[in-house]
Amino acid sequence: GAKKRPAKLSQAQALAALGQSKLMSFYERECAKHGFHA
């Protein structure tokens, strides 16, 4: 629920760690529909 990208690097790193797996789940789901993997 953050509203603005943090200026502190460690906080941005933590957000990236939270978001990366979700991002890949979007891609894998769509790729699977076409018969290949992300």
Full PDB file with SEQRES, HELIX, SHEET, SSBOND, CRYST1, ORIGX, SCALE, CONECT and MASTER records, all heavy atoms in Angstrom:
SEQRES   1 A   38  GLY ALA LYS LYS ARG PRO ALA LYS LEU SER GLN ALA GLN          
SEQRES   2 A   38  ALA LEU ALA ALA LEU GLY GLN SER LYS LEU MET SER PHE          
SEQRES   3 A   38  TYR GLU ARG GLU CYS ALA LYS HIS GLY PHE HIS ALA              
HELIX    1 AA1 LEU A    9  LYS A   33  1                                  25    
CRYST1    1.000    1.000    1.000  90.00  90.00  90.00 P 1           1          
ORIGX1      1.000000  0.000000  0.000000        0.00000                         
ORIGX2      0.000000  1.000000  0.000000        0.00000                         
ORIGX3      0.000000  0.000000  1.000000        0.00000                         
SCALE1      1.000000  0.000000  0.000000        0.00000                         
SCALE2      0.000000  1.000000  0.000000        0.00000                         
SCALE3      0.000000  0.000000  1.000000        0.00000                         
ATOM      1  N   GLY A   1       0.784  -1.233   0.000  1.00  0.00           N  
ATOM      2  CA  GLY A   1       0.000   0.000   0.000  1.00  0.00           C  
ATOM      3  C   GLY A   1       0.808   1.272   0.000  1.00  0.00           C  
ATOM      4  O   GLY A   1       0.302   2.330   0.381  1.00  0.00           O  
ATOM      5  N   ALA A   2       2.084   1.209  -0.449  1.00  0.00           N  
ATOM      6  CA  ALA A   2       2.920   2.406  -0.514  1.00  0.00           C  
ATOM      7  C   ALA A   2       2.463   3.303  -1.661  1.00  0.00           C  
ATOM      8  O   ALA A   2       2.071   2.816  -2.722  1.00  0.00           O  
ATOM      9  CB  ALA A   2       4.385   2.018  -0.696  1.00  0.00           C  
ATOM     10  N   LYS A   3       2.531   4.609  -1.464  1.00  0.00           N  
ATOM     11  CA  LYS A   3       2.045   5.567  -2.455  1.00  0.00           C  
ATOM     12  C   LYS A   3       3.158   6.180  -3.300  1.00  0.00           C  
ATOM     13  O   LYS A   3       2.892   6.731  -4.360  1.00  0.00           O  
ATOM     14  CB  LYS A   3       1.270   6.681  -1.759  1.00  0.00           C  
ATOM     15  CG  LYS A   3       0.065   6.191  -0.956  1.00  0.00           C  
ATOM     16  CD  LYS A   3      -0.949   5.468  -1.846  1.00  0.00           C  
ATOM     17  CE  LYS A   3      -2.172   5.024  -1.039  1.00  0.00           C  
ATOM     18  NZ  LYS A   3      -3.121   4.259  -1.896  1.00  0.00           N  
ATOM     19  N   LYS A   4       4.399   6.111  -2.821  1.00  0.00           N  
ATOM     20  CA  LYS A   4       5.502   6.745  -3.525  1.00  0.00           C  
ATOM     21  C   LYS A   4       6.738   5.867  -3.432  1.00  0.00           C  
ATOM     22  O   LYS A   4       7.007   5.264  -2.394  1.00  0.00           O  
ATOM     23  CB  LYS A   4       5.788   8.127  -2.931  1.00  0.00           C  
ATOM     24  CG  LYS A   4       6.833   8.927  -3.700  1.00  0.00           C  
ATOM     25  CD  LYS A   4       7.002  10.323  -3.107  1.00  0.00           C  
ATOM     26  CE  LYS A   4       8.030  11.121  -3.891  1.00  0.00           C  
ATOM     27  NZ  LYS A   4       8.230  12.475  -3.326  1.00  0.00           N  
ATOM     28  N   ARG A   5       7.489   5.804  -4.514  1.00  0.00           N  
ATOM     29  CA  ARG A   5       8.717   5.022  -4.537  1.00  0.00           C  
ATOM     30  C   ARG A   5       9.693   5.581  -3.496  1.00  0.00           C  
ATOM     31  O   ARG A   5       9.973   6.783  -3.488  1.00  0.00           O  
ATOM     32  CB  ARG A   5       9.360   5.091  -5.935  1.00  0.00           C  
ATOM     33  CG  ARG A   5      10.604   4.216  -6.091  1.00  0.00           C  
ATOM     34  CD  ARG A   5      11.251   4.441  -7.456  1.00  0.00           C  
ATOM     35  NE  ARG A   5      12.473   3.653  -7.580  1.00  0.00           N  
ATOM     36  CZ  ARG A   5      12.549   2.487  -8.199  1.00  0.00           C  
ATOM     37  NH1 ARG A   5      11.467   1.979  -8.783  1.00  0.00           N  
ATOM     38  NH2 ARG A   5      13.682   1.818  -8.254  1.00  0.00           N  
ATOM     39  N   PRO A   6      10.222   4.739  -2.624  1.00  0.00           N  
ATOM     40  CA  PRO A   6      11.118   5.239  -1.566  1.00  0.00           C  
ATOM     41  C   PRO A   6      12.459   5.681  -2.132  1.00  0.00           C  
ATOM     42  O   PRO A   6      12.953   5.120  -3.113  1.00  0.00           O  
ATOM     43  CB  PRO A   6      11.279   4.029  -0.640  1.00  0.00           C  
ATOM     44  CG  PRO A   6      11.047   2.837  -1.515  1.00  0.00           C  
ATOM     45  CD  PRO A   6      10.012   3.274  -2.511  1.00  0.00           C  
ATOM     46  N   ALA A   7      13.041   6.676  -1.498  1.00  0.00           N  
ATOM     47  CA  ALA A   7      14.355   7.164  -1.916  1.00  0.00           C  
ATOM     48  C   ALA A   7      15.474   6.282  -1.370  1.00  0.00           C  
ATOM     49  O   ALA A   7      16.536   6.170  -1.978  1.00  0.00           O  
ATOM     50  CB  ALA A   7      14.550   8.606  -1.443  1.00  0.00           C  
ATOM     51  N   LYS A   8      15.229   5.645  -0.224  1.00  0.00           N  
ATOM     52  CA  LYS A   8      16.251   4.822   0.404  1.00  0.00           C  
ATOM     53  C   LYS A   8      16.391   3.501  -0.351  1.00  0.00           C  
ATOM     54  O   LYS A   8      15.406   2.798  -0.596  1.00  0.00           O  
ATOM     55  CB  LYS A   8      15.886   4.566   1.868  1.00  0.00           C  
ATOM     56  CG  LYS A   8      17.015   3.934   2.683  1.00  0.00           C  
ATOM     57  CD  LYS A   8      16.646   3.859   4.158  1.00  0.00           C  
ATOM     58  CE  LYS A   8      17.789   3.271   4.976  1.00  0.00           C  
ATOM     59  NZ  LYS A   8      17.439   3.185   6.417  1.00  0.00           N  
ATOM     60  N   LEU A   9      17.644   3.154  -0.716  1.00  0.00           N  
ATOM     61  CA  LEU A   9      17.899   1.985  -1.550  1.00  0.00           C  
ATOM     62  C   LEU A   9      17.399   0.697  -0.911  1.00  0.00           C  
ATOM     63  O   LEU A   9      16.763  -0.131  -1.576  1.00  0.00           O  
ATOM     64  CB  LEU A   9      19.395   1.880  -1.852  1.00  0.00           C  
ATOM     65  CG  LEU A   9      19.825   0.669  -2.690  1.00  0.00           C  
ATOM     66  CD1 LEU A   9      19.136   0.677  -4.044  1.00  0.00           C  
ATOM     67  CD2 LEU A   9      21.339   0.638  -2.859  1.00  0.00           C  
ATOM     68  N   SER A  10      17.661   0.506   0.382  1.00  0.00           N  
ATOM     69  CA  SER A  10      17.274  -0.744   1.030  1.00  0.00           C  
ATOM     70  C   SER A  10      15.763  -0.953   1.004  1.00  0.00           C  
ATOM     71  O   SER A  10      15.277  -2.086   0.874  1.00  0.00           O  
ATOM     72  CB  SER A  10      17.775  -0.775   2.474  1.00  0.00           C  
ATOM     73  OG  SER A  10      17.227   0.291   3.223  1.00  0.00           O  
ATOM     74  N   GLN A  11      15.003   0.131   1.111  1.00  0.00           N  
ATOM     75  CA  GLN A  11      13.545   0.020   1.063  1.00  0.00           C  
ATOM     76  C   GLN A  11      13.074  -0.357  -0.347  1.00  0.00           C  
ATOM     77  O   GLN A  11      12.149  -1.161  -0.514  1.00  0.00           O  
ATOM     78  CB  GLN A  11      12.910   1.325   1.510  1.00  0.00           C  
ATOM     79  CG  GLN A  11      13.161   1.651   2.979  1.00  0.00           C  
ATOM     80  CD  GLN A  11      12.619   3.023   3.375  1.00  0.00           C  
ATOM     81  OE1 GLN A  11      12.218   3.813   2.520  1.00  0.00           O  
ATOM     82  NE2 GLN A  11      12.607   3.298   4.672  1.00  0.00           N  
ATOM     83  N   ALA A  12      13.716   0.226  -1.379  1.00  0.00           N  
ATOM     84  CA  ALA A  12      13.380  -0.148  -2.757  1.00  0.00           C  
ATOM     85  C   ALA A  12      13.749  -1.598  -3.028  1.00  0.00           C  
ATOM     86  O   ALA A  12      13.027  -2.322  -3.729  1.00  0.00           O  
ATOM     87  CB  ALA A  12      14.098   0.771  -3.738  1.00  0.00           C  
ATOM     88  N   GLN A  13      14.870  -2.051  -2.451  1.00  0.00           N  
ATOM     89  CA  GLN A  13      15.273  -3.454  -2.610  1.00  0.00           C  
ATOM     90  C   GLN A  13      14.229  -4.387  -2.008  1.00  0.00           C  
ATOM     91  O   GLN A  13      13.876  -5.420  -2.598  1.00  0.00           O  
ATOM     92  CB  GLN A  13      16.635  -3.684  -1.938  1.00  0.00           C  
ATOM     93  CG  GLN A  13      17.794  -3.040  -2.683  1.00  0.00           C  
ATOM     94  CD  GLN A  13      19.096  -3.160  -1.911  1.00  0.00           C  
ATOM     95  OE1 GLN A  13      19.121  -3.069  -0.678  1.00  0.00           O  
ATOM     96  NE2 GLN A  13      20.187  -3.372  -2.626  1.00  0.00           N  
ATOM     97  N   ALA A  14      13.732  -4.037  -0.823  1.00  0.00           N  
ATOM     98  CA  ALA A  14      12.722  -4.862  -0.171  1.00  0.00           C  
ATOM     99  C   ALA A  14      11.444  -4.930  -1.007  1.00  0.00           C  
ATOM    100  O   ALA A  14      10.812  -5.996  -1.134  1.00  0.00           O  
ATOM    101  CB  ALA A  14      12.418  -4.319   1.225  1.00  0.00           C  
ATOM    102  N   LEU A  15      11.050  -3.803  -1.590  1.00  0.00           N  
ATOM    103  CA  LEU A  15       9.856  -3.786  -2.426  1.00  0.00           C  
ATOM    104  C   LEU A  15      10.053  -4.650  -3.671  1.00  0.00           C  
ATOM    105  O   LEU A  15       9.140  -5.348  -4.110  1.00  0.00           O  
ATOM    106  CB  LEU A  15       9.519  -2.354  -2.831  1.00  0.00           C  
ATOM    107  CG  LEU A  15       9.041  -1.437  -1.703  1.00  0.00           C  
ATOM    108  CD1 LEU A  15       8.892  -0.016  -2.218  1.00  0.00           C  
ATOM    109  CD2 LEU A  15       7.714  -1.927  -1.129  1.00  0.00           C  
ATOM    110  N   ALA A  16      11.257  -4.596  -4.246  1.00  0.00           N  
ATOM    111  CA  ALA A  16      11.547  -5.422  -5.420  1.00  0.00           C  
ATOM    112  C   ALA A  16      11.457  -6.902  -5.077  1.00  0.00           C  
ATOM    113  O   ALA A  16      10.934  -7.705  -5.856  1.00  0.00           O  
ATOM    114  CB  ALA A  16      12.938  -5.097  -5.961  1.00  0.00           C  
ATOM    115  N   ALA A  17      11.950  -7.266  -3.892  1.00  0.00           N  
ATOM    116  CA  ALA A  17      11.883  -8.661  -3.462  1.00  0.00           C  
ATOM    117  C   ALA A  17      10.438  -9.120  -3.294  1.00  0.00           C  
ATOM    118  O   ALA A  17      10.074 -10.253  -3.628  1.00  0.00           O  
ATOM    119  CB  ALA A  17      12.654  -8.837  -2.152  1.00  0.00           C  
ATOM    120  N   LEU A  18       9.586  -8.225  -2.789  1.00  0.00           N  
ATOM    121  CA  LEU A  18       8.175  -8.552  -2.634  1.00  0.00           C  
ATOM    122  C   LEU A  18       7.475  -8.689  -3.991  1.00  0.00           C  
ATOM    123  O   LEU A  18       6.637  -9.575  -4.188  1.00  0.00           O  
ATOM    124  CB  LEU A  18       7.462  -7.453  -1.832  1.00  0.00           C  
ATOM    125  CG  LEU A  18       7.651  -7.446  -0.326  1.00  0.00           C  
ATOM    126  CD1 LEU A  18       7.097  -6.151   0.251  1.00  0.00           C  
ATOM    127  CD2 LEU A  18       6.958  -8.641   0.307  1.00  0.00           C  
ATOM    128  N   GLY A  19       7.822  -7.801  -4.927  1.00  0.00           N  
ATOM    129  CA  GLY A  19       7.078  -7.745  -6.179  1.00  0.00           C  
ATOM    130  C   GLY A  19       7.538  -8.683  -7.271  1.00  0.00           C  
ATOM    131  O   GLY A  19       6.748  -9.024  -8.158  1.00  0.00           O  
ATOM    132  N   GLN A  20       8.806  -9.137  -7.230  1.00  0.00           N  
ATOM    133  CA  GLN A  20       9.351  -9.895  -8.359  1.00  0.00           C  
ATOM    134  C   GLN A  20       8.627 -11.219  -8.596  1.00  0.00           C  
ATOM    135  O   GLN A  20       8.318 -11.574  -9.730  1.00  0.00           O  
ATOM    136  CB  GLN A  20      10.853 -10.145  -8.154  1.00  0.00           C  
ATOM    137  CG  GLN A  20      11.528 -10.819  -9.335  1.00  0.00           C  
ATOM    138  CD  GLN A  20      11.509  -9.976 -10.602  1.00  0.00           C  
ATOM    139  OE1 GLN A  20      11.593  -8.751 -10.552  1.00  0.00           O  
ATOM    140  NE2 GLN A  20      11.392 -10.630 -11.748  1.00  0.00           N  
ATOM    141  N   SER A  21       8.346 -11.948  -7.523  1.00  0.00           N  
ATOM    142  CA  SER A  21       7.676 -13.243  -7.704  1.00  0.00           C  
ATOM    143  C   SER A  21       6.267 -13.058  -8.256  1.00  0.00           C  
ATOM    144  O   SER A  21       5.795 -13.853  -9.088  1.00  0.00           O  
ATOM    145  CB  SER A  21       7.632 -14.012  -6.379  1.00  0.00           C  
ATOM    146  OG  SER A  21       6.919 -13.280  -5.390  1.00  0.00           O  
ATOM    147  N   LYS A  22       5.602 -11.998  -7.832  1.00  0.00           N  
ATOM    148  CA  LYS A  22       4.258 -11.726  -8.356  1.00  0.00           C  
ATOM    149  C   LYS A  22       4.329 -11.363  -9.838  1.00  0.00           C  
ATOM    150  O   LYS A  22       3.478 -11.779 -10.635  1.00  0.00           O  
ATOM    151  CB  LYS A  22       3.596 -10.600  -7.561  1.00  0.00           C  
ATOM    152  CG  LYS A  22       3.269 -10.986  -6.128  1.00  0.00           C  
ATOM    153  CD  LYS A  22       2.406  -9.922  -5.454  1.00  0.00           C  
ATOM    154  CE  LYS A  22       1.968 -10.383  -4.078  1.00  0.00           C  
ATOM    155  NZ  LYS A  22       1.045  -9.432  -3.438  1.00  0.00           N  
ATOM    156  N   LEU A  23       5.333 -10.585 -10.185  1.00  0.00           N  
ATOM    157  CA  LEU A  23       5.502 -10.199 -11.585  1.00  0.00           C  
ATOM    158  C   LEU A  23       5.683 -11.437 -12.460  1.00  0.00           C  
ATOM    159  O   LEU A  23       5.044 -11.577 -13.512  1.00  0.00           O  
ATOM    160  CB  LEU A  23       6.716  -9.271 -11.720  1.00  0.00           C  
ATOM    161  CG  LEU A  23       7.046  -8.764 -13.123  1.00  0.00           C  
ATOM    162  CD1 LEU A  23       5.927  -7.883 -13.658  1.00  0.00           C  
ATOM    163  CD2 LEU A  23       8.373  -7.995 -13.108  1.00  0.00           C  
ATOM    164  N   MET A  24       6.533 -12.346 -12.028  1.00  0.00           N  
ATOM    165  CA  MET A  24       6.787 -13.544 -12.827  1.00  0.00           C  
ATOM    166  C   MET A  24       5.567 -14.452 -12.890  1.00  0.00           C  
ATOM    167  O   MET A  24       5.362 -15.152 -13.892  1.00  0.00           O  
ATOM    168  CB  MET A  24       7.985 -14.304 -12.256  1.00  0.00           C  
ATOM    169  CG  MET A  24       9.317 -13.644 -12.547  1.00  0.00           C  
ATOM    170  SD  MET A  24       9.611 -13.293 -14.305  1.00  0.00           S  
ATOM    171  CE  MET A  24       9.499 -14.937 -14.994  1.00  0.00           C  
ATOM    172  N   SER A  25       4.747 -14.438 -11.850  1.00  0.00           N  
ATOM    173  CA  SER A  25       3.546 -15.276 -11.879  1.00  0.00           C  
ATOM    174  C   SER A  25       2.595 -14.816 -12.983  1.00  0.00           C  
ATOM    175  O   SER A  25       1.930 -15.634 -13.632  1.00  0.00           O  
ATOM    176  CB  SER A  25       2.835 -15.268 -10.523  1.00  0.00           C  
ATOM    177  OG  SER A  25       2.224 -14.016 -10.260  1.00  0.00           O  
ATOM    178  N   PHE A  26       2.528 -13.485 -13.218  1.00  0.00           N  
ATOM    179  CA  PHE A  26       1.723 -12.963 -14.317  1.00  0.00           C  
ATOM    180  C   PHE A  26       2.234 -13.494 -15.657  1.00  0.00           C  
ATOM    181  O   PHE A  26       1.455 -13.954 -16.504  1.00  0.00           O  
ATOM    182  CB  PHE A  26       1.761 -11.430 -14.342  1.00  0.00           C  
ATOM    183  CG  PHE A  26       0.898 -10.768 -13.312  1.00  0.00           C  
ATOM    184  CD1 PHE A  26       1.458 -10.026 -12.290  1.00  0.00           C  
ATOM    185  CD2 PHE A  26      -0.483 -10.869 -13.377  1.00  0.00           C  
ATOM    186  CE1 PHE A  26       0.663  -9.396 -11.340  1.00  0.00           C  
ATOM    187  CE2 PHE A  26      -1.293 -10.238 -12.432  1.00  0.00           C  
ATOM    188  CZ  PHE A  26      -0.713  -9.507 -11.405  1.00  0.00           C  
ATOM    189  N   TYR A  27       3.547 -13.420 -15.847  1.00  0.00           N  
ATOM    190  CA  TYR A  27       4.117 -13.859 -17.117  1.00  0.00           C  
ATOM    191  C   TYR A  27       3.967 -15.369 -17.320  1.00  0.00           C  
ATOM    192  O   TYR A  27       3.618 -15.829 -18.417  1.00  0.00           O  
ATOM    193  CB  TYR A  27       5.592 -13.455 -17.205  1.00  0.00           C  
ATOM    194  CG  TYR A  27       5.778 -11.999 -17.523  1.00  0.00           C  
ATOM    195  CD1 TYR A  27       6.308 -11.115 -16.587  1.00  0.00           C  
ATOM    196  CD2 TYR A  27       5.413 -11.492 -18.772  1.00  0.00           C  
ATOM    197  CE1 TYR A  27       6.467  -9.769 -16.890  1.00  0.00           C  
ATOM    198  CE2 TYR A  27       5.568 -10.145 -19.073  1.00  0.00           C  
ATOM    199  CZ  TYR A  27       6.094  -9.298 -18.128  1.00  0.00           C  
ATOM    200  OH  TYR A  27       6.242  -7.959 -18.424  1.00  0.00           O  
ATOM    201  N   GLU A  28       4.241 -16.149 -16.292  1.00  0.00           N  
ATOM    202  CA  GLU A  28       4.142 -17.610 -16.440  1.00  0.00           C  
ATOM    203  C   GLU A  28       2.710 -18.028 -16.772  1.00  0.00           C  
ATOM    204  O   GLU A  28       2.497 -18.904 -17.628  1.00  0.00           O  
ATOM    205  CB  GLU A  28       4.620 -18.292 -15.160  1.00  0.00           C  
ATOM    206  CG  GLU A  28       4.465 -19.815 -15.156  1.00  0.00           C  
ATOM    207  CD  GLU A  28       5.205 -20.509 -16.292  1.00  0.00           C  
ATOM    208  OE1 GLU A  28       6.174 -19.923 -16.827  1.00  0.00           O  
ATOM    209  OE2 GLU A  28       4.807 -21.642 -16.643  1.00  0.00           O  
ATOM    210  N   ARG A  29       1.746 -17.414 -16.127  1.00  0.00           N  
ATOM    211  CA  ARG A  29       0.350 -17.761 -16.399  1.00  0.00           C  
ATOM    212  C   ARG A  29      -0.006 -17.508 -17.856  1.00  0.00           C  
ATOM    213  O   ARG A  29      -0.655 -18.340 -18.503  1.00  0.00           O  
ATOM    214  CB  ARG A  29      -0.563 -16.944 -15.484  1.00  0.00           C  
ATOM    215  CG  ARG A  29      -2.053 -17.276 -15.626  1.00  0.00           C  
ATOM    216  CD  ARG A  29      -2.879 -16.402 -14.698  1.00  0.00           C  
ATOM    217  NE  ARG A  29      -2.788 -14.980 -15.078  1.00  0.00           N  
ATOM    218  CZ  ARG A  29      -3.013 -13.981 -14.234  1.00  0.00           C  
ATOM    219  NH1 ARG A  29      -3.323 -14.225 -12.972  1.00  0.00           N  
ATOM    220  NH2 ARG A  29      -2.925 -12.732 -14.659  1.00  0.00           N  
ATOM    221  N   GLU A  30       0.425 -16.368 -18.391  1.00  0.00           N  
ATOM    222  CA  GLU A  30       0.084 -16.037 -19.776  1.00  0.00           C  
ATOM    223  C   GLU A  30       0.884 -16.871 -20.769  1.00  0.00           C  
ATOM    224  O   GLU A  30       0.356 -17.289 -21.808  1.00  0.00           O  
ATOM    225  CB  GLU A  30       0.303 -14.544 -20.032  1.00  0.00           C  
ATOM    226  CG  GLU A  30      -0.608 -13.646 -19.218  1.00  0.00           C  
ATOM    227  CD  GLU A  30      -2.086 -13.986 -19.411  1.00  0.00           C  
ATOM    228  OE1 GLU A  30      -2.487 -14.293 -20.560  1.00  0.00           O  
ATOM    229  OE2 GLU A  30      -2.838 -13.945 -18.419  1.00  0.00           O  
ATOM    230  N   CYS A  31       2.162 -17.103 -20.476  1.00  0.00           N  
ATOM    231  CA  CYS A  31       2.974 -17.924 -21.380  1.00  0.00           C  
ATOM    232  C   CYS A  31       2.429 -19.343 -21.480  1.00  0.00           C  
ATOM    233  O   CYS A  31       2.405 -19.946 -22.564  1.00  0.00           O  
ATOM    234  CB  CYS A  31       4.428 -17.954 -20.905  1.00  0.00           C  
ATOM    235  SG  CYS A  31       5.319 -16.399 -21.134  1.00  0.00           S  
ATOM    236  N   ALA A  32       1.984 -19.883 -20.341  1.00  0.00           N  
ATOM    237  CA  ALA A  32       1.457 -21.250 -20.325  1.00  0.00           C  
ATOM    238  C   ALA A  32       0.256 -21.401 -21.260  1.00  0.00           C  
ATOM    239  O   ALA A  32       0.044 -22.471 -21.850  1.00  0.00           O  
ATOM    240  CB  ALA A  32       1.084 -21.647 -18.909  1.00  0.00           C  
ATOM    241  N   LYS A  33      -0.518 -20.343 -21.432  1.00  0.00           N  
ATOM    242  CA  LYS A  33      -1.674 -20.390 -22.332  1.00  0.00           C  
ATOM    243  C   LYS A  33      -1.252 -20.625 -23.778  1.00  0.00           C  
ATOM    244  O   LYS A  33      -2.038 -21.120 -24.597  1.00  0.00           O  
ATOM    245  CB  LYS A  33      -2.462 -19.081 -22.241  1.00  0.00           C  
ATOM    246  CG  LYS A  33      -3.142 -18.839 -20.899  1.00  0.00           C  
ATOM    247  CD  LYS A  33      -3.849 -17.482 -20.902  1.00  0.00           C  
ATOM    248  CE  LYS A  33      -4.494 -17.185 -19.547  1.00  0.00           C  
ATOM    249  NZ  LYS A  33      -5.140 -15.850 -19.531  1.00  0.00           N  
ATOM    250  N   HIS A  34      -0.011 -20.265 -24.098  1.00  0.00           N  
ATOM    251  CA  HIS A  34       0.477 -20.392 -25.470  1.00  0.00           C  
ATOM    252  C   HIS A  34       1.468 -21.538 -25.633  1.00  0.00           C  
ATOM    253  O   HIS A  34       2.106 -21.658 -26.690  1.00  0.00           O  
ATOM    254  CB  HIS A  34       1.117 -19.074 -25.906  1.00  0.00           C  
ATOM    255  CG  HIS A  34       0.169 -17.916 -25.897  1.00  0.00           C  
ATOM    256  ND1 HIS A  34      -0.681 -17.631 -26.947  1.00  0.00           N  
ATOM    257  CD2 HIS A  34      -0.100 -16.987 -24.933  1.00  0.00           C  
ATOM    258  CE1 HIS A  34      -1.412 -16.568 -26.645  1.00  0.00           C  
ATOM    259  NE2 HIS A  34      -1.074 -16.152 -25.433  1.00  0.00           N  
ATOM    260  N   GLY A  35       1.618 -22.343 -24.583  1.00  0.00           N  
ATOM    261  CA  GLY A  35       2.415 -23.558 -24.712  1.00  0.00           C  
ATOM    262  C   GLY A  35       3.894 -23.425 -24.440  1.00  0.00           C  
ATOM    263  O   GLY A  35       4.681 -24.301 -24.808  1.00  0.00           O  
ATOM    264  N   PHE A  36       4.307 -22.352 -23.790  1.00  0.00           N  
ATOM    265  CA  PHE A  36       5.717 -22.225 -23.410  1.00  0.00           C  
ATOM    266  C   PHE A  36       5.800 -21.605 -22.025  1.00  0.00           C  
ATOM    267  O   PHE A  36       4.770 -21.296 -21.410  1.00  0.00           O  
ATOM    268  CB  PHE A  36       6.512 -21.408 -24.436  1.00  0.00           C  
ATOM    269  CG  PHE A  36       5.968 -20.041 -24.726  1.00  0.00           C  
ATOM    270  CD1 PHE A  36       6.350 -18.932 -23.991  1.00  0.00           C  
ATOM    271  CD2 PHE A  36       5.067 -19.849 -25.772  1.00  0.00           C  
ATOM    272  CE1 PHE A  36       5.851 -17.671 -24.259  1.00  0.00           C  
ATOM    273  CE2 PHE A  36       4.566 -18.582 -26.061  1.00  0.00           C  
ATOM    274  CZ  PHE A  36       4.951 -17.496 -25.308  1.00  0.00           C  
ATOM    275  N   HIS A  37       7.007 -21.450 -21.507  1.00  0.00           N  
ATOM    276  CA  HIS A  37       7.203 -20.984 -20.138  1.00  0.00           C  
ATOM    277  C   HIS A  37       7.959 -19.655 -20.108  1.00  0.00           C  
ATOM    278  O   HIS A  37       8.731 -19.325 -21.011  1.00  0.00           O  
ATOM    279  CB  HIS A  37       7.983 -22.016 -19.321  1.00  0.00           C  
ATOM    280  CG  HIS A  37       7.268 -23.313 -19.172  1.00  0.00           C  
ATOM    281  ND1 HIS A  37       6.194 -23.484 -18.327  1.00  0.00           N  
ATOM    282  CD2 HIS A  37       7.467 -24.504 -19.794  1.00  0.00           C  
ATOM    283  CE1 HIS A  37       5.763 -24.730 -18.407  1.00  0.00           C  
ATOM    284  NE2 HIS A  37       6.511 -25.365 -19.288  1.00  0.00           N  
ATOM    285  N   ALA A  38       7.745 -18.902 -19.029  1.00  0.00           N  
ATOM    286  CA  ALA A  38       8.506 -17.684 -18.759  1.00  0.00           C  
ATOM    287  C   ALA A  38       9.708 -18.058 -17.900  1.00  0.00           C  
ATOM    288  O   ALA A  38       9.565 -18.711 -16.865  1.00  0.00           O  
ATOM    289  CB  ALA A  38       7.633 -16.664 -18.021  1.00  0.00           C  
TER     290      ALA A  38                                                      
MASTER        0    0    0    1    0    0    0    6  289    1    0    3          
END                                                                             
